[in-house]
């Protein structure tokens, strides 16, 4: 079993990713909302 350390490392990485998913998801949603708002504001300014 030469790849046992790699399997253990991948399992640890997977656990960390699963643990942080809600936090990462919140950050992405917040950034996406900010980006959409900026786009909408620019579009409204062009229409004026």
Protein backbone atom coordinates (compact mmCIF):
# COMPACT_ATOMS: atom_id res chain seq x y z
CA UNK A 1 0.00 0.00 0.00
CA UNK A 2 2.25 2.79 -1.23
CA UNK A 3 -0.64 5.17 -1.87
CA UNK A 4 -2.02 4.97 1.69
CA UNK A 5 -0.51 8.35 2.74
CA UNK A 6 -2.05 9.97 -0.33
CA UNK A 7 -5.47 8.49 0.46
CA UNK A 8 -5.23 9.78 4.04
CA UNK A 9 -4.18 13.24 2.79
CA UNK A 10 -7.07 13.36 0.30
CA UNK A 11 -9.52 12.30 3.02
CA UNK A 12 -8.27 15.08 5.31
CA UNK A 13 -8.55 17.64 2.50
CA UNK A 14 -12.09 16.43 1.76
CA UNK A 15 -13.06 16.78 5.44
CA UNK A 16 -11.66 20.32 5.60
CA UNK A 17 -13.49 21.32 2.40
CA UNK A 18 -16.78 19.86 3.68
CA UNK A 19 -16.28 21.63 7.03
CA UNK A 20 -15.70 25.03 5.39
CA UNK A 21 -18.34 24.71 2.63
CA UNK A 22 -21.04 26.86 4.35
CA UNK A 23 -18.50 29.64 5.04
CA UNK A 24 -17.14 29.51 1.47
CA UNK A 25 -20.70 29.45 0.09
CA UNK A 26 -21.63 32.55 2.11
CA UNK A 27 -18.55 34.43 0.85
CA UNK A 28 -19.29 33.50 -2.78
CA UNK A 29 -22.95 34.56 -2.47
CA UNK A 30 -21.96 37.88 -0.89
CA UNK A 31 -19.36 38.60 -3.61
CA UNK A 32 -21.80 37.58 -6.36
CA UNK A 33 -24.53 39.81 -4.91
CA UNK A 34 -22.13 42.76 -4.79
CA UNK A 35 -21.06 42.12 -8.39
CA UNK A 36 -24.68 41.88 -9.60
CA UNK A 37 -25.58 45.10 -7.79
CA UNK A 38 -22.67 46.91 -9.47
CA UNK A 39 -23.77 45.64 -12.88
CA UNK A 40 -27.37 46.72 -12.25
CA UNK A 41 -26.26 50.18 -11.09
CA UNK A 42 -24.13 50.63 -14.21
CA UNK A 43 -27.03 49.56 -16.43
CA UNK A 44 -29.41 52.00 -14.71
CA UNK A 45 -26.92 54.85 -15.11
CA UNK A 46 -26.65 54.12 -18.84
CA UNK A 47 -30.45 54.24 -19.23
CA UNK A 48 -30.70 57.71 -17.69
